[in-house]
Amino acid sequence: MEGIKISLQKAEVAEDVLTIRVDGYIDTITSSELEKTLSSLLKQGRYKVVVDLGGVDYISSAGWGLFISGIKEMRENGGDLKLTRMIPPVYEIYQLLEFDRILEAYPTLEEAQRSFSA
């Protein structure tokens, strides 16, 4: 797959949770598209976000940094950014970089969405 494809959907379990579905890869070039999406959500006051990475084969350091950049504002406003459905090679890097200390990850989309009401 070339590049990146991003789509948004509201969570069925909670109206105020948005899911960003990402397909492709997230690197220095493609991360700008995801950054625009996250910035737009923050401007709209959408602070509860799940990023579905089930279709992502690779995330560069620029991509990982992007997830961290908006998290402070989200948490200050009662929200958070949570990851879900990472494939094993992506999940291994997530753990290796110790992002599991900063970002919560869930095996399923439903678990990630429900975690906001827990």
N, C-alpha and C. Protein backbone atom coordinates (compact mmCIF):
# COMPACT_ATOMS: atom_id res chain seq x y z
N MET A 1 0.84 -1.18 0.00
CA MET A 1 0.00 0.00 0.00
C MET A 1 0.89 1.25 0.00
N GLU A 2 0.52 2.21 -0.79
CA GLU A 2 1.28 3.45 -0.88
C GLU A 2 0.69 4.49 0.06
N GLY A 3 1.54 5.19 0.78
CA GLY A 3 1.10 6.34 1.57
C GLY A 3 0.22 6.01 2.74
N ILE A 4 -0.77 6.89 2.93
CA ILE A 4 -1.61 6.81 4.11
C ILE A 4 -3.06 7.11 3.74
N LYS A 5 -3.97 6.45 4.42
CA LYS A 5 -5.39 6.72 4.27
C LYS A 5 -5.95 6.90 5.67
N ILE A 6 -6.71 7.98 5.86
CA ILE A 6 -7.24 8.31 7.18
C ILE A 6 -8.75 8.48 7.08
N SER A 7 -9.47 7.87 8.01
CA SER A 7 -10.92 8.06 8.07
C SER A 7 -11.34 8.22 9.53
N LEU A 8 -12.43 8.95 9.74
CA LEU A 8 -12.95 9.22 11.08
C LEU A 8 -14.30 8.56 11.26
N GLN A 9 -14.55 8.11 12.49
CA GLN A 9 -15.88 7.59 12.82
C GLN A 9 -16.14 7.80 14.29
N LYS A 10 -17.40 8.02 14.64
CA LYS A 10 -17.79 8.13 16.04
C LYS A 10 -17.88 6.74 16.64
N ALA A 11 -17.53 6.65 17.89
CA ALA A 11 -17.61 5.37 18.59
C ALA A 11 -19.07 5.04 18.86
N GLU A 12 -19.42 3.78 18.69
CA GLU A 12 -20.78 3.35 18.98
C GLU A 12 -21.05 3.32 20.48
N VAL A 13 -20.00 3.10 21.26
CA VAL A 13 -20.19 2.96 22.71
C VAL A 13 -20.22 4.29 23.45
N ALA A 14 -19.68 5.35 22.83
CA ALA A 14 -19.66 6.65 23.48
C ALA A 14 -19.63 7.75 22.41
N GLU A 15 -20.62 8.61 22.46
CA GLU A 15 -20.79 9.67 21.46
C GLU A 15 -19.60 10.62 21.38
N ASP A 16 -18.94 10.85 22.52
CA ASP A 16 -17.85 11.83 22.54
C ASP A 16 -16.47 11.26 22.20
N VAL A 17 -16.42 9.98 21.84
CA VAL A 17 -15.16 9.34 21.46
C VAL A 17 -15.10 9.22 19.94
N LEU A 18 -14.01 9.70 19.37
CA LEU A 18 -13.81 9.58 17.92
C LEU A 18 -12.71 8.58 17.63
N THR A 19 -12.89 7.83 16.56
CA THR A 19 -11.87 6.88 16.13
C THR A 19 -11.27 7.36 14.82
N ILE A 20 -9.95 7.38 14.79
CA ILE A 20 -9.21 7.68 13.56
C ILE A 20 -8.68 6.35 13.06
N ARG A 21 -9.16 5.94 11.91
CA ARG A 21 -8.69 4.69 11.28
C ARG A 21 -7.57 5.07 10.32
N VAL A 22 -6.41 4.46 10.51
CA VAL A 22 -5.26 4.76 9.66
C VAL A 22 -4.84 3.48 8.92
N ASP A 23 -4.61 3.62 7.63
CA ASP A 23 -4.12 2.52 6.81
C ASP A 23 -2.88 2.99 6.06
N GLY A 24 -1.93 2.09 5.87
CA GLY A 24 -0.71 2.43 5.14
C GLY A 24 0.48 2.46 6.06
N TYR A 25 1.26 3.53 5.97
CA TYR A 25 2.41 3.70 6.86
C TYR A 25 2.50 5.15 7.30
N ILE A 26 3.09 5.34 8.47
CA ILE A 26 3.22 6.68 9.03
C ILE A 26 4.71 6.99 9.12
N ASP A 27 5.16 7.89 8.25
CA ASP A 27 6.56 8.29 8.26
C ASP A 27 6.65 9.81 8.17
N THR A 28 7.83 10.34 7.92
CA THR A 28 8.04 11.78 7.87
C THR A 28 7.13 12.45 6.86
N ILE A 29 6.92 11.82 5.73
CA ILE A 29 6.10 12.42 4.67
C ILE A 29 4.60 12.30 4.97
N THR A 30 4.15 11.11 5.33
CA THR A 30 2.72 10.89 5.52
C THR A 30 2.19 11.38 6.86
N SER A 31 3.06 11.57 7.83
CA SER A 31 2.60 11.98 9.16
C SER A 31 1.91 13.34 9.15
N SER A 32 2.20 14.18 8.16
CA SER A 32 1.57 15.50 8.11
C SER A 32 0.05 15.38 7.93
N GLU A 33 -0.40 14.37 7.20
CA GLU A 33 -1.85 14.15 7.03
C GLU A 33 -2.51 13.80 8.36
N LEU A 34 -1.87 12.93 9.11
CA LEU A 34 -2.40 12.55 10.42
C LEU A 34 -2.33 13.73 11.38
N GLU A 35 -1.27 14.51 11.30
CA GLU A 35 -1.14 15.69 12.16
C GLU A 35 -2.27 16.68 11.90
N LYS A 36 -2.63 16.89 10.64
CA LYS A 36 -3.74 17.78 10.29
C LYS A 36 -5.04 17.28 10.91
N THR A 37 -5.25 15.98 10.85
CA THR A 37 -6.47 15.39 11.40
C THR A 37 -6.52 15.59 12.91
N LEU A 38 -5.42 15.29 13.60
CA LEU A 38 -5.39 15.46 15.06
C LEU A 38 -5.55 16.93 15.45
N SER A 39 -4.90 17.84 14.76
CA SER A 39 -5.01 19.27 15.05
C SER A 39 -6.44 19.75 14.87
N SER A 40 -7.08 19.28 13.81
CA SER A 40 -8.47 19.65 13.55
C SER A 40 -9.39 19.19 14.69
N LEU A 41 -9.17 17.98 15.17
CA LEU A 41 -9.98 17.47 16.28
C LEU A 41 -9.78 18.31 17.54
N LEU A 42 -8.54 18.67 17.83
CA LEU A 42 -8.27 19.49 19.01
C LEU A 42 -8.95 20.85 18.89
N LYS A 43 -8.91 21.45 17.71
CA LYS A 43 -9.56 22.74 17.48
C LYS A 43 -11.07 22.65 17.67
N GLN A 44 -11.63 21.48 17.38
CA GLN A 44 -13.07 21.26 17.54
C GLN A 44 -13.44 20.88 18.98
N GLY A 45 -12.43 20.76 19.84
CA GLY A 45 -12.69 20.36 21.22
C GLY A 45 -12.96 18.88 21.38
N ARG A 46 -12.46 18.08 20.45
CA ARG A 46 -12.61 16.62 20.52
C ARG A 46 -11.35 16.07 21.18
N TYR A 47 -11.47 15.67 22.45
CA TYR A 47 -10.30 15.28 23.23
C TYR A 47 -10.22 13.79 23.55
N LYS A 48 -11.22 13.03 23.14
CA LYS A 48 -11.21 11.58 23.38
C LYS A 48 -11.05 10.90 22.03
N VAL A 49 -9.84 10.39 21.79
CA VAL A 49 -9.51 9.87 20.47
C VAL A 49 -8.88 8.48 20.56
N VAL A 50 -9.37 7.58 19.73
CA VAL A 50 -8.78 6.26 19.57
C VAL A 50 -8.17 6.22 18.17
N VAL A 51 -6.93 5.80 18.08
CA VAL A 51 -6.29 5.65 16.78
C VAL A 51 -6.20 4.16 16.47
N ASP A 52 -6.96 3.75 15.44
CA ASP A 52 -7.00 2.36 15.01
C ASP A 52 -5.86 2.13 14.02
N LEU A 53 -4.86 1.38 14.45
CA LEU A 53 -3.67 1.15 13.64
C LEU A 53 -3.66 -0.23 12.99
N GLY A 54 -4.82 -0.86 12.89
CA GLY A 54 -4.91 -2.20 12.33
C GLY A 54 -4.41 -2.32 10.90
N GLY A 55 -4.44 -1.23 10.15
CA GLY A 55 -3.99 -1.25 8.77
C GLY A 55 -2.64 -0.60 8.55
N VAL A 56 -1.90 -0.37 9.65
CA VAL A 56 -0.60 0.31 9.55
C VAL A 56 0.53 -0.71 9.65
N ASP A 57 1.40 -0.68 8.64
CA ASP A 57 2.52 -1.62 8.58
C ASP A 57 3.79 -1.09 9.23
N TYR A 58 3.88 0.24 9.33
CA TYR A 58 5.14 0.85 9.80
C TYR A 58 4.86 2.23 10.37
N ILE A 59 5.53 2.56 11.49
CA ILE A 59 5.46 3.90 12.07
C ILE A 59 6.89 4.35 12.36
N SER A 60 7.28 5.48 11.78
CA SER A 60 8.62 6.03 12.01
C SER A 60 8.62 6.83 13.31
N SER A 61 9.78 7.32 13.68
CA SER A 61 9.88 8.15 14.90
C SER A 61 9.02 9.39 14.77
N ALA A 62 8.88 9.94 13.56
CA ALA A 62 8.01 11.11 13.35
C ALA A 62 6.56 10.76 13.67
N GLY A 63 6.15 9.58 13.30
CA GLY A 63 4.80 9.13 13.59
C GLY A 63 4.56 8.94 15.07
N TRP A 64 5.49 8.28 15.75
CA TRP A 64 5.35 8.08 17.20
C TRP A 64 5.33 9.42 17.92
N GLY A 65 6.18 10.35 17.49
CA GLY A 65 6.21 11.68 18.11
C GLY A 65 4.90 12.42 17.95
N LEU A 66 4.25 12.21 16.84
CA LEU A 66 2.97 12.85 16.57
C LEU A 66 1.91 12.44 17.59
N PHE A 67 1.89 11.18 17.97
CA PHE A 67 0.93 10.72 18.97
C PHE A 67 1.15 11.41 20.31
N ILE A 68 2.39 11.65 20.64
CA ILE A 68 2.73 12.26 21.92
C ILE A 68 2.41 13.76 21.93
N SER A 69 2.54 14.41 20.78
CA SER A 69 2.43 15.87 20.72
C SER A 69 1.09 16.43 21.20
N GLY A 70 -0.01 15.77 20.89
CA GLY A 70 -1.31 16.31 21.28
C GLY A 70 -1.86 15.77 22.57
N ILE A 71 -1.15 14.83 23.16
CA ILE A 71 -1.70 14.13 24.32
C ILE A 71 -1.86 15.04 25.55
N LYS A 72 -0.96 15.99 25.72
CA LYS A 72 -1.03 16.89 26.88
C LYS A 72 -2.33 17.69 26.85
N GLU A 73 -2.63 18.29 25.71
CA GLU A 73 -3.87 19.07 25.59
C GLU A 73 -5.10 18.20 25.80
N MET A 74 -5.07 17.00 25.26
CA MET A 74 -6.21 16.09 25.43
C MET A 74 -6.43 15.77 26.90
N ARG A 75 -5.37 15.43 27.59
CA ARG A 75 -5.50 15.06 29.01
C ARG A 75 -5.88 16.24 29.89
N GLU A 76 -5.40 17.42 29.56
CA GLU A 76 -5.77 18.62 30.31
C GLU A 76 -7.26 18.92 30.17
N ASN A 77 -7.88 18.41 29.13
CA ASN A 77 -9.30 18.65 28.87
C ASN A 77 -10.16 17.41 29.10
N GLY A 78 -9.68 16.50 29.93
CA GLY A 78 -10.46 15.34 30.32
C GLY A 78 -10.49 14.21 29.30
N GLY A 79 -9.61 14.27 28.32
CA GLY A 79 -9.58 13.24 27.29
C GLY A 79 -8.28 12.47 27.30
N ASP A 80 -8.01 11.81 26.18
CA ASP A 80 -6.78 11.04 26.03
C ASP A 80 -6.71 10.54 24.59
N LEU A 81 -5.56 10.02 24.24
CA LEU A 81 -5.36 9.38 22.95
C LEU A 81 -4.96 7.94 23.24
N LYS A 82 -5.68 7.01 22.65
CA LYS A 82 -5.43 5.59 22.89
C LYS A 82 -5.25 4.88 21.55
N LEU A 83 -4.42 3.88 21.56
CA LEU A 83 -4.10 3.13 20.34
C LEU A 83 -4.75 1.77 20.38
N THR A 84 -5.06 1.24 19.20
CA THR A 84 -5.65 -0.09 19.14
C THR A 84 -5.23 -0.83 17.87
N ARG A 85 -5.31 -2.15 17.95
CA ARG A 85 -5.13 -3.09 16.84
C ARG A 85 -3.78 -3.01 16.15
N MET A 86 -2.73 -2.75 16.89
CA MET A 86 -1.39 -2.73 16.29
C MET A 86 -0.98 -4.14 15.86
N ILE A 87 -0.39 -4.26 14.67
CA ILE A 87 0.14 -5.55 14.24
C ILE A 87 1.41 -5.83 15.05
N PRO A 88 1.80 -7.10 15.20
CA PRO A 88 2.94 -7.45 16.06
C PRO A 88 4.23 -6.64 15.82
N PRO A 89 4.69 -6.42 14.60
CA PRO A 89 5.94 -5.65 14.44
C PRO A 89 5.81 -4.20 14.94
N VAL A 90 4.65 -3.59 14.74
CA VAL A 90 4.42 -2.22 15.22
C VAL A 90 4.32 -2.22 16.74
N TYR A 91 3.63 -3.20 17.30
CA TYR A 91 3.50 -3.30 18.75
C TYR A 91 4.86 -3.51 19.42
N GLU A 92 5.72 -4.28 18.80
CA GLU A 92 7.06 -4.51 19.36
C GLU A 92 7.85 -3.20 19.47
N ILE A 93 7.76 -2.36 18.44
CA ILE A 93 8.45 -1.06 18.48
C ILE A 93 7.83 -0.17 19.55
N TYR A 94 6.51 -0.17 19.65
CA TYR A 94 5.78 0.57 20.69
C TYR A 94 6.33 0.21 22.07
N GLN A 95 6.52 -1.07 22.32
CA GLN A 95 7.06 -1.52 23.60
C GLN A 95 8.55 -1.20 23.74
N LEU A 96 9.31 -1.42 22.69
CA LEU A 96 10.74 -1.16 22.71
C LEU A 96 11.04 0.30 23.03
N LEU A 97 10.27 1.20 22.45
CA LEU A 97 10.45 2.64 22.69
C LEU A 97 9.82 3.09 24.02
N GLU A 98 9.20 2.14 24.72
CA GLU A 98 8.55 2.38 26.00
C GLU A 98 7.40 3.37 25.93
N PHE A 99 6.74 3.42 24.78
CA PHE A 99 5.55 4.25 24.66
C PHE A 99 4.39 3.67 25.46
N ASP A 100 4.51 2.40 25.87
CA ASP A 100 3.48 1.81 26.70
C ASP A 100 3.41 2.48 28.08
N ARG A 101 4.41 3.27 28.42
CA ARG A 101 4.39 4.03 29.68
C ARG A 101 3.62 5.34 29.52
N ILE A 102 3.39 5.75 28.28
CA ILE A 102 2.76 7.04 28.00
C ILE A 102 1.38 6.86 27.38
N LEU A 103 1.29 5.95 26.42
CA LEU A 103 0.06 5.73 25.66
C LEU A 103 -0.52 4.35 25.96
N GLU A 104 -1.80 4.30 26.21
CA GLU A 104 -2.46 3.02 26.41
C GLU A 104 -2.78 2.39 25.06
N ALA A 105 -2.62 1.09 24.98
CA ALA A 105 -2.96 0.35 23.76
C ALA A 105 -3.89 -0.81 24.11
N TYR A 106 -4.81 -1.09 23.20
CA TYR A 106 -5.81 -2.12 23.41
C TYR A 106 -5.85 -3.06 22.21
N PRO A 107 -6.14 -4.33 22.44
CA PRO A 107 -6.18 -5.28 21.33
C PRO A 107 -7.36 -5.06 20.38
N THR A 108 -8.49 -4.55 20.91
CA THR A 108 -9.67 -4.36 20.06
C THR A 108 -10.14 -2.90 20.11
N LEU A 109 -10.82 -2.52 19.07
CA LEU A 109 -11.37 -1.17 18.97
C LEU A 109 -12.40 -0.93 20.08
N GLU A 110 -13.24 -1.91 20.33
CA GLU A 110 -14.28 -1.78 21.35
C GLU A 110 -13.69 -1.55 22.73
N GLU A 111 -12.62 -2.28 23.06
CA GLU A 111 -11.97 -2.11 24.38
C GLU A 111 -11.39 -0.70 24.50
N ALA A 112 -10.77 -0.22 23.44
CA ALA A 112 -10.18 1.13 23.47
C ALA A 112 -11.27 2.18 23.66
N GLN A 113 -12.38 2.03 22.95
CA GLN A 113 -13.47 3.00 23.06
C GLN A 113 -14.10 2.95 24.44
N ARG A 114 -14.32 1.76 24.96
CA ARG A 114 -14.94 1.62 26.28
C ARG A 114 -14.02 2.11 27.41
N SER A 115 -12.73 2.12 27.19
CA SER A 115 -11.79 2.53 28.24
C SER A 115 -12.01 3.97 28.67
N PHE A 116 -12.65 4.78 27.84
CA PHE A 116 -12.91 6.17 28.21
C PHE A 116 -14.00 6.28 29.27
N SER A 117 -14.87 5.30 29.35
CA SER A 117 -15.94 5.35 30.34
C SER A 117 -15.65 4.52 31.57
N ALA A 118 -14.48 3.91 31.60
CA ALA A 118 -14.09 3.07 32.75
C ALA A 118 -13.64 3.92 33.93
